C-alpha atoms as a PDB file:
ATOM      1  CA  MET A   1      20.531 -11.939  -7.338  1.00  0.00           C
ATOM      2  CA  THR A   2      18.745  -8.856  -8.593  1.00  0.00           C
ATOM      3  CA  CYS A   3      15.538  -7.782  -6.888  1.00  0.00           C
ATOM      4  CA  LEU A   4      12.938  -7.008  -9.564  1.00  0.00           C
ATOM      5  CA  VAL A   5       9.819  -4.971  -8.759  1.00  0.00           C
ATOM      6  CA  LYS A   6       6.823  -4.211 -10.952  1.00  0.00           C
ATOM      7  CA  VAL A   7       6.399  -0.642 -12.184  1.00  0.00           C
ATOM      8  CA  SER A   8       3.357  -0.193  -9.917  1.00  0.00           C
ATOM      9  CA  ASP A   9       5.389  -1.352  -6.887  1.00  0.00           C
ATOM     10  CA  PHE A  10       8.255   0.928  -7.893  1.00  0.00           C
ATOM     11  CA  ILE A  11       5.911   3.931  -8.002  1.00  0.00           C
ATOM     12  CA  ARG A  12       4.496   3.025  -4.595  1.00  0.00           C
ATOM     13  CA  ARG A  13       7.973   2.578  -3.044  1.00  0.00           C
ATOM     14  CA  VAL A  14       9.421   5.792  -4.454  1.00  0.00           C
ATOM     15  CA  TYR A  15       6.439   8.155  -4.413  1.00  0.00           C
ATOM     16  CA  GLY A  16       4.128   6.623  -1.805  1.00  0.00           C
ATOM     17  CA  ASP A  17       0.415   5.959  -2.028  1.00  0.00           C
ATOM     18  CA  GLN A  18      -0.651   9.580  -1.722  1.00  0.00           C
ATOM     19  CA  GLY A  19       0.160  12.708  -3.639  1.00  0.00           C
ATOM     20  CA  SER A  20       1.219  13.124  -7.208  1.00  0.00           C
ATOM     21  CA  HIS A  21       3.488  10.691  -8.970  1.00  0.00           C
ATOM     22  CA  PRO A  22       4.514  10.067 -12.566  1.00  0.00           C
ATOM     23  CA  ALA A  23       2.206   8.009 -14.735  1.00  0.00           C
ATOM     24  CA  ARG A  24       3.026   4.348 -15.321  1.00  0.00           C
ATOM     25  CA  GLN A  25       3.744   5.175 -18.989  1.00  0.00           C
ATOM     26  CA  THR A  26       6.370   7.711 -17.912  1.00  0.00           C
ATOM     27  CA  ILE A  27       8.217   5.095 -15.859  1.00  0.00           C
ATOM     28  CA  VAL A  28       8.022   2.578 -18.722  1.00  0.00           C
ATOM     29  CA  ARG A  29       9.426   5.211 -21.105  1.00  0.00           C
ATOM     30  CA  GLN A  30      12.342   5.798 -18.716  1.00  0.00           C
ATOM     31  CA  CYS A  31      12.957   2.040 -18.682  1.00  0.00           C
ATOM     32  CA  LYS A  32      12.976   1.883 -22.488  1.00  0.00           C
ATOM     33  CA  LEU A  33      15.389   4.826 -22.683  1.00  0.00           C
ATOM     34  CA  GLY A  34      17.741   3.214 -20.164  1.00  0.00           C
ATOM     35  CA  LYS A  35      17.249   5.969 -17.586  1.00  0.00           C
ATOM     36  CA  LEU A  36      16.110   3.393 -15.023  1.00  0.00           C
ATOM     37  CA  PRO A  37      17.794   0.054 -14.376  1.00  0.00           C
ATOM     38  CA  ALA A  38      15.136  -2.307 -15.666  1.00  0.00           C
ATOM     39  CA  GLU A  39      14.434  -5.364 -17.733  1.00  0.00           C
ATOM     40  CA  GLN A  40      11.506  -6.389 -19.836  1.00  0.00           C
ATOM     41  CA  LYS A  41       9.861  -9.772 -19.506  1.00  0.00           C
ATOM     42  CA  GLY A  42       7.209 -10.245 -22.145  1.00  0.00           C
ATOM     43  CA  ASN A  43       5.235  -7.015 -22.232  1.00  0.00           C
ATOM     44  CA  LEU A  44       5.971  -6.098 -18.616  1.00  0.00           C
ATOM     45  CA  TRP A  45       8.809  -3.975 -17.278  1.00  0.00           C
ATOM     46  CA  TYR A  46      10.504  -4.618 -13.943  1.00  0.00           C
ATOM     47  CA  ILE A  47      12.791  -2.199 -12.115  1.00  0.00           C
ATOM     48  CA  LYS A  48      16.050  -3.583 -10.704  1.00  0.00           C
ATOM     49  CA  TRP A  49      15.368  -2.253  -7.206  1.00  0.00           C
ATOM     50  CA  ASP A  50      18.746  -2.983  -5.616  1.00  0.00           C
ATOM     51  CA  ILE A  51      20.588  -1.260  -8.468  1.00  0.00           C
ATOM     52  CA  TYR A  52      18.170   1.701  -8.418  1.00  0.00           C
ATOM     53  CA  GLN A  53      18.822   2.233  -4.703  1.00  0.00           C
ATOM     54  CA  LYS A  54      22.595   2.342  -5.257  1.00  0.00           C
ATOM     55  CA  GLN A  55      22.419   5.078  -7.896  1.00  0.00           C
ATOM     56  CA  THR A  56      23.935   8.419  -6.917  1.00  0.00           C
ATOM     57  CA  GLY A  57      22.098  10.606  -9.415  1.00  0.00           C
ATOM     58  CA  ASN A  58      25.358  11.415 -11.182  1.00  0.00           C
ATOM     59  CA  ASP A  59      25.580   9.449 -14.449  1.00  0.00           C
ATOM     60  CA  LEU A  60      29.390   9.568 -14.619  1.00  0.00           C
ATOM     61  CA  VAL A  61      29.846   8.392 -11.020  1.00  0.00           C
ATOM     62  CA  ASP A  62      27.293   5.618 -11.526  1.00  0.00           C
ATOM     63  CA  LYS A  63      29.127   4.385 -14.643  1.00  0.00           C
ATOM     64  CA  VAL A  64      32.487   4.385 -12.853  1.00  0.00           C
ATOM     65  CA  LEU A  65      31.071   2.573  -9.827  1.00  0.00           C
ATOM     66  CA  GLY A  66      29.162   0.149 -12.017  1.00  0.00           C
ATOM     67  CA  ASN A  67      25.766   1.077 -10.549  1.00  0.00           C
END
């Protein structure tokens, strides 16, 4: 089962509570463009946390591994 987290939770997990972080709209745009593993439910976007954590940062490797 996929672990879904809200965009606000994703920002907190990845960038922490302090310091600079991307705006919520930036994360949503990345979801819409397919740059983040996510799904939309109604008007809200949720990041597939377990899949995000498995990504290597290399698009080709991630496609081959199915991440």
